[in-house]
Protein backbone atom coordinates (compact mmCIF):
# COMPACT_ATOMS: atom_id res chain seq x y z
CA MET A 1 13.78 -3.68 -20.42
CA LYS A 2 14.31 -0.29 -18.77
CA VAL A 3 11.27 1.99 -18.27
CA HIS A 4 11.26 5.50 -16.81
CA PHE A 5 8.08 7.18 -15.52
CA ILE A 6 7.71 10.96 -15.31
CA GLY A 7 5.22 11.80 -12.55
CA ILE A 8 5.48 8.28 -11.13
CA GLY A 9 3.65 9.22 -7.90
CA GLY A 10 0.28 9.54 -9.64
CA ILE A 11 -2.25 6.92 -8.58
CA GLY A 12 -2.82 5.60 -12.11
CA ILE A 13 0.67 5.76 -13.56
CA SER A 14 2.13 4.22 -10.39
CA ALA A 15 -0.01 1.13 -11.01
CA LEU A 16 1.48 0.81 -14.48
CA ALA A 17 4.96 1.18 -12.97
CA GLN A 18 4.14 -1.78 -10.72
CA TYR A 19 2.94 -3.72 -13.75
CA TYR A 20 6.35 -3.30 -15.39
CA LEU A 21 8.19 -4.09 -12.14
CA LYS A 22 6.28 -7.34 -11.78
CA ARG A 23 7.02 -8.16 -15.41
CA GLY A 24 10.74 -7.95 -14.63
CA ALA A 25 11.52 -4.51 -16.06
CA LEU A 26 14.03 -2.15 -14.48
CA VAL A 27 11.88 0.81 -13.42
CA SER A 28 12.88 4.35 -12.56
CA GLY A 29 10.75 7.42 -12.10
CA SER A 30 10.56 10.99 -10.95
CA ASP A 31 8.07 13.11 -9.03
CA LEU A 32 8.06 16.53 -7.42
CA CYS A 33 7.14 15.25 -3.95
CA GLU A 34 7.72 12.11 -1.96
CA SER A 35 4.57 10.21 -0.98
CA GLU A 36 3.35 6.86 0.31
CA ILE A 37 3.16 5.75 -3.30
CA THR A 38 6.74 6.69 -4.23
CA LYS A 39 8.04 5.11 -1.01
CA ALA A 40 6.19 1.88 -1.79
CA LEU A 41 7.56 1.80 -5.34
CA SER A 42 11.07 2.35 -4.03
CA LYS A 43 10.69 -0.62 -1.66
CA LYS A 44 9.57 -2.75 -4.61
CA GLY A 45 12.74 -1.96 -6.54
CA ALA A 46 12.06 1.22 -8.51
CA LYS A 47 14.71 3.94 -8.56
CA ILE A 48 12.90 7.14 -7.57
CA PHE A 49 14.06 10.73 -8.10
CA ILE A 50 12.27 13.27 -5.90
CA GLY A 51 12.30 17.01 -6.56
CA LYS A 52 12.77 19.12 -9.65
CA HIS A 53 12.53 17.16 -12.91
CA GLN A 54 15.93 16.94 -14.59
CA GLY A 55 17.22 15.42 -17.79
CA LYS A 56 19.96 13.63 -15.88
CA ASN A 57 17.29 11.46 -14.21
CA LEU A 58 17.12 9.47 -17.46
CA ALA A 59 19.78 6.90 -18.20
CA LYS A 60 20.88 6.93 -21.83
CA ASP A 61 19.96 3.27 -22.27
CA ILE A 62 16.30 3.69 -21.24
CA ASP A 63 14.02 1.73 -23.60
CA LEU A 64 10.75 3.53 -22.87
CA VAL A 65 9.59 6.68 -21.10
CA ILE A 66 6.00 6.97 -19.88
CA TYR A 67 4.70 10.31 -18.66
CA SER A 68 1.66 11.44 -16.70
CA LEU A 69 -0.89 13.69 -18.43
CA ALA A 70 -0.10 16.27 -15.74
CA ILE A 71 3.40 16.67 -17.22
CA LYS A 72 3.91 19.56 -19.64
CA LYS A 73 5.61 19.00 -22.98
CA ASP A 74 8.50 21.34 -22.07
CA ASN A 75 9.45 19.12 -19.12
CA PRO A 76 13.27 18.63 -19.03
CA GLU A 77 12.94 14.86 -18.93
CA ILE A 78 10.66 14.83 -21.98
CA LYS A 79 13.21 17.01 -23.78
CA GLU A 80 15.89 14.48 -22.86
CA THR A 81 13.98 11.70 -24.66
CA LYS A 82 14.22 13.67 -27.89
CA LYS A 83 17.93 14.23 -27.39
CA TYR A 84 18.61 10.48 -27.17
CA LYS A 85 15.68 9.41 -29.38
CA ILE A 86 14.10 7.37 -26.58
CA ARG A 87 10.65 5.92 -27.23
CA ILE A 88 8.05 7.90 -25.28
CA LYS A 89 4.34 7.42 -24.53
CA SER A 90 1.76 9.07 -22.32
CA TYR A 91 0.27 6.94 -19.54
CA PRO A 92 -3.02 6.47 -21.47
CA GLU A 93 -1.12 5.49 -24.63
CA ALA A 94 0.93 2.90 -22.74
CA LEU A 95 -2.13 1.48 -21.00
CA GLY A 96 -3.99 1.56 -24.31
CA ASN A 97 -1.45 -0.84 -25.79
CA LEU A 98 -2.23 -3.32 -23.01
CA THR A 99 -5.98 -3.08 -23.67
CA LYS A 100 -5.41 -4.28 -27.23
CA LYS A 101 -3.61 -7.39 -25.99
CA HIS A 102 -6.22 -8.43 -23.39
CA PHE A 103 -9.92 -9.06 -22.95
CA THR A 104 -10.34 -5.63 -21.38
CA ILE A 105 -13.15 -4.51 -19.11
CA ALA A 106 -13.06 -0.73 -18.68
CA VAL A 107 -14.97 1.21 -16.04
CA CYS A 108 -15.67 4.83 -16.92
CA GLY A 109 -17.70 7.70 -15.51
CA MET A 110 -17.14 10.79 -13.38
CA HIS A 111 -17.74 8.90 -10.12
CA GLY A 112 -17.56 5.35 -8.80
CA LYS A 113 -14.78 3.98 -11.01
CA SER A 114 -12.44 2.75 -8.26
CA THR A 115 -15.10 0.98 -6.19
CA THR A 116 -16.60 -0.61 -9.30
CA VAL A 117 -13.21 -1.86 -10.50
CA ALA A 118 -12.43 -3.15 -7.01
CA LEU A 119 -15.68 -5.10 -6.67
CA LEU A 120 -15.45 -6.50 -10.20
CA SER A 121 -11.83 -7.54 -9.74
CA LEU A 122 -12.53 -9.41 -6.52
CA VAL A 123 -15.44 -11.28 -8.10
CA LEU A 124 -13.28 -12.28 -11.08
CA ILE A 125 -10.53 -13.48 -8.74
CA LYS A 126 -12.96 -15.55 -6.67
CA ALA A 127 -14.44 -16.99 -9.88
CA GLY A 128 -10.99 -18.13 -11.02
CA PHE A 129 -10.53 -15.63 -13.86
CA ASP A 130 -7.16 -14.41 -12.48
CA PRO A 131 -7.32 -10.91 -14.07
CA THR A 132 -4.68 -8.23 -14.30
CA VAL A 133 -6.01 -5.09 -12.59
CA ILE A 134 -5.00 -1.42 -12.91
CA ILE A 135 -6.97 0.61 -10.35
CA GLY A 136 -6.87 4.21 -9.12
CA THR A 137 -6.68 3.35 -5.43
CA LYS A 138 -5.02 0.88 -3.09
CA LEU A 139 -6.81 -2.30 -2.03
CA LYS A 140 -6.19 -4.31 1.12
CA GLU A 141 -6.93 -7.41 -0.94
CA PHE A 142 -3.98 -6.47 -3.17
CA LYS A 143 -1.71 -5.96 -0.13
CA ASP A 144 -2.27 -2.19 -0.26
CA SER A 145 -1.35 -2.06 -3.93
CA ASN A 146 -3.15 -0.48 -6.89
CA CYS A 147 -2.04 -3.20 -9.31
CA LYS A 148 -2.50 -6.95 -9.59
CA ILE A 149 -0.83 -9.07 -12.23
CA GLY A 150 -2.86 -12.05 -13.40
CA LYS A 151 -2.03 -14.90 -15.75
CA SER A 152 -5.22 -14.83 -17.82
CA GLU A 153 -6.29 -12.74 -20.81
CA TYR A 154 -8.54 -10.56 -18.64
CA LEU A 155 -7.61 -6.95 -17.84
CA VAL A 156 -9.75 -4.67 -15.65
CA ILE A 157 -8.98 -0.94 -15.72
CA GLU A 158 -10.25 2.45 -14.72
CA ALA A 159 -10.91 4.38 -17.92
CA ASP A 160 -10.22 7.98 -16.97
CA GLU A 161 -12.14 10.66 -18.88
CA TYR A 162 -9.70 13.50 -18.10
CA LYS A 163 -8.23 14.90 -21.32
CA ALA A 164 -10.18 12.13 -23.09
CA ALA A 165 -7.54 9.64 -21.90
CA PHE A 166 -9.94 6.71 -22.37
CA LEU A 167 -9.98 7.23 -26.12
CA ASN A 168 -6.71 5.29 -26.07
CA TYR A 169 -8.46 2.18 -24.71
CA TRP A 170 -10.11 -0.65 -26.65
CA PRO A 171 -12.26 -2.71 -24.27
CA ARG A 172 -14.64 -5.59 -24.88
CA ILE A 173 -16.91 -4.53 -22.01
CA ILE A 174 -17.53 -0.98 -20.76
CA VAL A 175 -19.19 -0.09 -17.46
CA LEU A 176 -20.53 3.47 -17.47
CA THR A 177 -21.32 4.77 -13.96
CA SER A 178 -22.07 8.49 -14.33
CA ILE A 179 -21.85 11.51 -16.62
CA GLU A 180 -21.94 15.14 -15.48
CA ARG A 181 -20.04 18.42 -15.71
CA GLU A 182 -16.49 17.73 -14.59
CA HIS A 183 -12.90 18.40 -15.74
CA LEU A 184 -14.01 21.70 -17.22
CA ASP A 185 -10.39 22.77 -17.55
CA TYR A 186 -10.43 20.40 -20.54
CA TYR A 187 -14.04 19.91 -21.61
CA ARG A 188 -15.89 22.94 -22.97
CA ASP A 189 -19.31 21.88 -21.72
CA LEU A 190 -21.60 18.91 -21.14
CA ARG A 191 -22.12 18.53 -24.87
CA HIS A 192 -18.38 18.07 -25.36
CA ILE A 193 -18.38 15.48 -22.55
CA PHE A 194 -21.30 13.61 -24.18
CA ARG A 195 -19.56 13.51 -27.54
CA THR A 196 -16.32 12.21 -26.03
CA PHE A 197 -18.06 9.43 -24.10
CA ARG A 198 -19.97 8.44 -27.24
CA THR A 199 -16.69 8.15 -29.11
CA PHE A 200 -15.25 5.92 -26.39
CA ILE A 201 -18.34 3.70 -26.29
CA ASN A 202 -18.04 3.22 -30.04
CA HIS A 203 -14.65 1.60 -29.39
CA LEU A 204 -16.61 -1.49 -28.41
CA PRO A 205 -16.23 -4.24 -31.00
CA ALA A 206 -19.03 -6.23 -32.59
CA GLY A 207 -20.45 -8.38 -29.83
CA GLY A 208 -19.12 -6.05 -27.11
CA THR A 209 -21.19 -4.94 -24.15
CA LEU A 210 -22.08 -1.59 -22.58
CA VAL A 211 -23.29 -1.87 -18.98
CA ALA A 212 -24.72 1.52 -18.00
CA ASP A 213 -26.49 3.13 -15.03
CA LYS A 214 -29.87 4.24 -16.35
CA ASP A 215 -30.63 6.06 -13.07
CA ASP A 216 -28.17 8.71 -14.24
CA LYS A 217 -30.21 11.16 -16.32
CA ASN A 218 -27.35 11.95 -18.68
CA ILE A 219 -26.57 8.28 -19.28
CA LYS A 220 -30.26 7.63 -19.89
CA LYS A 221 -30.22 10.32 -22.61
CA MET A 222 -27.09 8.81 -24.12
CA ILE A 223 -28.57 5.31 -24.25
CA GLU A 224 -31.67 6.70 -25.97
CA ARG A 225 -29.50 8.41 -28.59
CA ILE A 226 -27.36 5.32 -29.15
CA LYS A 227 -30.46 3.21 -29.70
CA LYS A 228 -31.51 5.57 -32.50
CA GLN A 229 -28.40 4.66 -34.48
CA LYS A 230 -29.14 2.57 -37.55
CA LYS A 231 -26.70 -0.15 -36.60
CA ILE A 232 -25.60 -0.95 -33.05
CA LYS A 233 -22.79 -3.47 -33.07
CA PHE A 234 -22.71 -3.93 -29.28
CA LYS A 235 -25.20 -4.96 -26.61
CA ILE A 236 -26.56 -2.44 -24.06
CA ILE A 237 -27.39 -3.68 -20.55
CA PRO A 238 -28.86 -1.00 -18.26
CA TYR A 239 -28.81 -1.33 -14.48
CA SER A 240 -30.77 0.54 -11.82
CA LEU A 241 -31.43 0.77 -8.10
CA SER A 242 -34.97 -0.26 -8.98
CA GLN A 243 -33.91 -3.76 -10.05
CA LYS A 244 -34.93 -6.59 -7.76
CA GLU A 245 -31.42 -7.41 -6.50
CA SER A 246 -30.93 -3.91 -5.09
CA SER A 247 -32.08 -4.61 -1.52
CA LYS A 248 -30.07 -7.83 -1.34
CA VAL A 249 -26.92 -6.06 -2.49
CA LYS A 250 -27.52 -3.26 0.05
CA ASN A 251 -27.75 -5.80 2.87
CA ILE A 252 -24.62 -7.65 1.76
CA LEU A 253 -22.27 -4.69 1.22
CA LYS A 254 -20.25 -3.44 4.16
CA ILE A 255 -19.57 -0.08 2.48
CA PRO A 256 -22.34 2.53 2.90
CA GLY A 257 -24.27 4.60 0.38
CA SER A 258 -26.80 3.97 -2.38
CA PHE A 259 -24.12 4.98 -4.89
CA ASN A 260 -22.10 1.94 -3.84
CA VAL A 261 -25.16 -0.28 -4.22
CA SER A 262 -25.44 1.12 -7.74
CA ASN A 263 -21.77 0.36 -8.43
CA ALA A 264 -22.28 -3.22 -7.23
CA LEU A 265 -25.35 -3.65 -9.46
CA GLY A 266 -23.26 -2.59 -12.44
CA VAL A 267 -20.71 -5.24 -11.53
CA LEU A 268 -23.46 -7.85 -11.12
CA ASN A 269 -24.53 -7.29 -14.71
CA VAL A 270 -20.95 -7.68 -15.94
CA THR A 271 -20.46 -10.92 -14.02
CA ARG A 272 -23.66 -12.30 -15.52
CA VAL A 273 -22.33 -11.50 -19.00
CA LEU A 274 -19.26 -13.53 -18.04
CA LYS A 275 -21.49 -16.39 -16.79
CA ILE A 276 -20.28 -16.10 -13.19
CA PRO A 277 -22.85 -17.49 -10.73
CA ASP A 278 -24.54 -14.85 -8.56
CA GLN A 279 -23.55 -16.63 -5.35
CA ILE A 280 -19.86 -16.03 -6.15
CA THR A 281 -20.56 -12.35 -6.84
CA PHE A 282 -22.54 -11.88 -3.63
CA LYS A 283 -19.91 -13.73 -1.57
CA SER A 284 -17.25 -11.37 -2.91
CA TYR A 285 -19.40 -8.37 -2.01
CA SER A 286 -19.78 -9.59 1.56
CA GLU A 287 -15.99 -9.87 1.93
CA TYR A 288 -15.06 -6.52 0.36
CA LYS A 289 -13.20 -4.36 2.89
CA GLY A 290 -13.36 -1.06 1.03
CA ALA A 291 -10.67 0.93 -0.76
CA TRP A 292 -8.04 3.46 0.27
CA ARG A 293 -9.61 6.91 0.69
CA ARG A 294 -13.08 5.73 -0.41
CA PHE A 295 -15.08 6.21 2.79
CA GLU A 296 -12.17 4.53 4.57
CA ILE A 297 -13.02 4.14 8.25
CA PHE A 298 -10.66 4.26 11.24
CA HIS A 299 -11.63 4.01 14.89
CA GLU A 300 -9.51 6.51 16.81
CA SER A 301 -9.43 8.29 20.17
CA LEU A 302 -8.37 11.82 21.08
CA ASN A 303 -8.15 13.23 24.60
CA ALA A 304 -9.76 9.98 25.81
CA LYS A 305 -12.71 10.59 23.50
CA PRO A 306 -13.31 7.78 21.00
CA TYR A 307 -14.40 8.92 17.54
CA THR A 308 -14.70 7.62 13.99
CA LEU A 309 -12.34 9.01 11.35
CA VAL A 310 -13.38 8.75 7.70
CA SER A 311 -10.91 9.41 4.88
CA ASP A 312 -12.44 10.14 1.49
CA TYR A 313 -11.11 11.21 -1.91
CA GLY A 314 -14.28 13.03 -3.05
CA HIS A 315 -13.66 16.35 -4.78
CA HIS A 316 -16.85 17.09 -6.76
CA PRO A 317 -20.11 18.51 -5.35
CA THR A 318 -22.01 15.33 -6.20
CA GLN A 319 -19.44 13.18 -4.40
CA ILE A 320 -19.60 15.45 -1.36
CA LYS A 321 -23.40 15.23 -1.12
CA VAL A 322 -23.63 11.45 -1.52
CA THR A 323 -20.78 10.88 0.95
CA ILE A 324 -22.46 13.05 3.59
CA LYS A 325 -25.73 11.21 2.95
CA ALA A 326 -23.95 7.87 3.35
CA ALA A 327 -22.39 9.05 6.62
CA LYS A 328 -25.78 10.16 7.94
CA GLY A 329 -27.22 6.77 7.03
CA LYS A 330 -24.40 4.76 8.58
CA PHE A 331 -24.02 6.94 11.69
CA PRO A 332 -27.50 8.21 12.60
CA GLN A 333 -27.70 10.59 15.58
CA LYS A 334 -23.93 11.19 15.46
CA ARG A 335 -22.35 14.62 14.94
CA ILE A 336 -20.78 14.87 11.48
CA ILE A 337 -17.70 17.11 11.24
CA LEU A 338 -16.41 17.57 7.70
CA VAL A 339 -12.99 18.92 6.78
CA TYR A 340 -12.87 19.63 3.06
CA GLN A 341 -10.09 20.80 0.78
CA PRO A 342 -11.27 21.89 -2.69
CA HIS A 343 -9.21 20.39 -5.50
CA GLN A 344 -8.13 22.64 -8.36
CA ILE A 345 -8.85 26.36 -8.63
CA LYS A 346 -10.71 26.15 -11.92
CA ARG A 347 -13.01 23.34 -10.77
CA THR A 348 -13.88 25.35 -7.66
CA LYS A 349 -14.57 28.46 -9.72
CA ILE A 350 -16.75 26.81 -12.39
CA LEU A 351 -18.74 24.62 -9.97
CA PHE A 352 -18.85 27.26 -7.23
CA LYS A 353 -22.66 27.37 -6.92
CA GLU A 354 -22.85 23.58 -6.74
CA PHE A 355 -20.19 23.52 -4.01
CA VAL A 356 -22.09 26.10 -1.96
CA LYS A 357 -25.12 23.76 -1.85
CA ALA A 358 -23.19 20.56 -1.20
CA PHE A 359 -22.54 20.82 2.56
CA ASP A 360 -26.00 21.48 4.02
CA ASN A 361 -26.24 18.22 5.96
CA VAL A 362 -23.03 18.42 7.97
CA ASP A 363 -23.02 19.66 11.55
CA LEU A 364 -19.64 21.40 11.42
CA LEU A 365 -17.59 22.36 8.38
CA PHE A 366 -13.94 23.33 8.07
CA LEU A 367 -12.59 24.45 4.70
CA ASN A 368 -8.90 24.26 3.92
CA GLU A 369 -7.41 26.37 1.13
CA ILE A 370 -7.85 25.12 -2.44
CA TYR A 371 -5.26 22.60 -3.56
CA GLY A 372 -3.77 23.96 -6.78
CA VAL A 373 -2.92 21.21 -9.25
CA ALA A 374 0.42 21.56 -11.02
CA GLY A 375 0.00 21.79 -14.78
CA ARG A 376 -3.79 22.26 -14.64
CA GLU A 377 -4.22 25.84 -13.40
CA GLU A 378 -4.42 29.01 -15.49
CA GLU A 379 -2.15 31.79 -14.28
CA ASP A 380 -4.27 34.62 -15.65
CA GLN A 381 -7.63 33.51 -14.27
CA ARG A 382 -9.44 35.36 -11.50
CA LYS A 383 -8.15 34.11 -8.18
CA ILE A 384 -10.59 32.37 -5.89
CA SER A 385 -10.13 31.10 -2.35
CA SER A 386 -11.82 28.64 -0.05
CA GLU A 387 -12.55 31.70 2.05
CA ASP A 388 -14.92 32.91 -0.72
CA LEU A 389 -16.62 29.51 -0.58
CA ALA A 390 -16.89 29.66 3.22
CA LEU A 391 -18.55 33.09 3.13
CA SER A 392 -21.08 31.98 0.50
CA ILE A 393 -21.92 28.80 2.43
CA GLN A 394 -22.39 30.82 5.62
CA ARG A 395 -24.78 33.23 3.85
CA ARG A 396 -26.75 30.27 2.48
CA TRP A 397 -27.00 28.67 5.91
CA GLN A 398 -28.18 31.91 7.47
CA LYS A 399 -30.95 32.20 4.86
CA LEU A 400 -31.99 28.61 5.56
CA GLY A 401 -32.06 29.32 9.30
CA TYR A 402 -29.21 26.94 10.13
CA LYS A 403 -27.47 27.76 13.41
CA LYS A 404 -24.09 26.35 12.46
CA ILE A 405 -20.81 27.83 11.29
CA VAL A 406 -18.36 27.12 8.50
CA SER A 407 -14.73 27.93 9.28
CA PHE A 408 -11.99 28.71 6.77
CA LEU A 409 -8.55 27.71 8.02
CA LYS A 410 -5.66 27.99 5.58
CA ASP A 411 -3.16 26.03 7.68
CA GLN A 412 -3.91 22.35 8.25
CA ASN A 413 -2.17 22.54 11.64
CA ASP A 414 -4.78 25.10 12.72
CA ILE A 415 -7.53 22.68 11.65
CA LEU A 416 -5.85 19.99 13.75
CA LYS A 417 -5.80 22.32 16.79
CA GLU A 418 -9.50 23.10 16.33
CA LEU A 419 -10.42 19.43 16.03
CA LYS A 420 -8.54 18.72 19.24
CA ARG A 421 -10.41 21.54 20.96
CA ILE A 422 -13.97 20.73 19.86
CA ILE A 423 -14.00 16.94 19.57
CA LYS A 424 -16.67 15.07 21.51
CA LYS A 425 -17.13 11.41 22.24
CA ASN A 426 -18.48 9.41 19.27
CA ASP A 427 -18.05 12.24 16.75
CA ILE A 428 -17.66 11.40 13.06
CA ILE A 429 -14.79 13.33 11.47
CA ILE A 430 -14.63 13.14 7.67
CA ILE A 431 -11.43 14.35 5.98
CA MET A 432 -12.23 14.84 2.30
CA GLY A 433 -10.40 15.97 -0.82
CA ALA A 434 -8.01 14.80 -3.52
CA GLY A 435 -5.07 17.00 -2.53
CA ASP A 436 -2.68 16.98 0.43
CA ILE A 437 -5.51 17.07 2.99
CA TYR A 438 -4.76 13.36 3.36
CA ASN A 439 -1.81 14.44 5.51
CA LEU A 440 -4.33 15.48 8.15
CA VAL A 441 -5.61 11.89 8.29
CA LEU A 442 -2.07 10.69 8.92
CA LYS A 443 -1.55 13.28 11.68
CA LEU A 444 -4.84 12.42 13.39
CA ARG A 445 -3.99 8.72 13.36
CA LYS A 446 -0.50 9.44 14.66
CA ILE A 447 -1.73 11.38 17.71
CA SER A 448 -4.57 8.96 18.47
CA ASP A 449 -4.67 7.77 22.07
CA PRO A 450 -3.05 4.35 22.56
């Protein structure tokens, strides 16, 4: 079988590409830019085309084309499929077909999906379930891969809410971690988000299970509304930081933050549904090393000054706040320097007020220019810059009496120069964002003292 992926460098679709590679398919794919992900796929046998999408990237004998939701319908490679009548599916449609063939456990919510999937997968592996896993990050336990192929009927996936992608999935168990205003380039408002999540939850079959975080006020409302339905065909299991296992989980986990304790409690409830003994779950928690770009810690040195570098994917005000709180908890009395790159112009514009309030607890803040997302920005909208955000944050800090400064630096090389200039021994430097700010992590690690 020959499968071609358009936008193969995406973290989700690249996992599916690995799935097909490991199943023996001949895989090709295209992406605008080369990345760690495309390089890794190439090493594993995929034929990768980097640069402008072109119809000639598709062989005429391709059996299936799978495209990322970021790809527009007028893409030359999509047009080529029509020319040769090649079967074509979106990434969610293709993954949705797999969910129908497996006992699928889907993790959904605006935040916490990757860590929850990672923890759950490792417990299932240790318990002998041998699941197939499609995850939106790379795991050391998967040899720095975002895909694991198992031999059992179990499939664990991240169920992405963007463009209602998860409505293509048909799980037996759903874990719901959080609901709030997000992806407002697609969703009209919170009501629209609620309705879409409700539709997905109703994909559960008779005897299915919803495991949901009742500490989340929006989820709590949703559970209350679901319970008012005349007939509920599935079971609802709420979890909370107030449950008795919370302190034990906190002590076992090596990754910081109450949000990660919450994620682990959600997993604990799933493993109990599957009759996995708690000791296996807790042992897996104690061995979990953390995921790529999820509070990923490196111990580096610059100008003979040792410091801790944290790489994080967070790109929503809530994620920023909880990550800073986790850093403060893990590194008390240390100076926290945050470098943040907003992700997507429209997200920054709509959640502007929330972003302004998100950085209060850092000691130094550098803002890189907004990372515009191809295919998701509106050309006619009012332009907004990270500089606007920096000015508003500075005004807020002045009103609060904070004697600290936020700096806007458009060029990442200028941020690097500033970090070199100001760094002190034992500083904590957090590089955060879902765009190309990750390149700054690579540069910092490259110039680290031997």
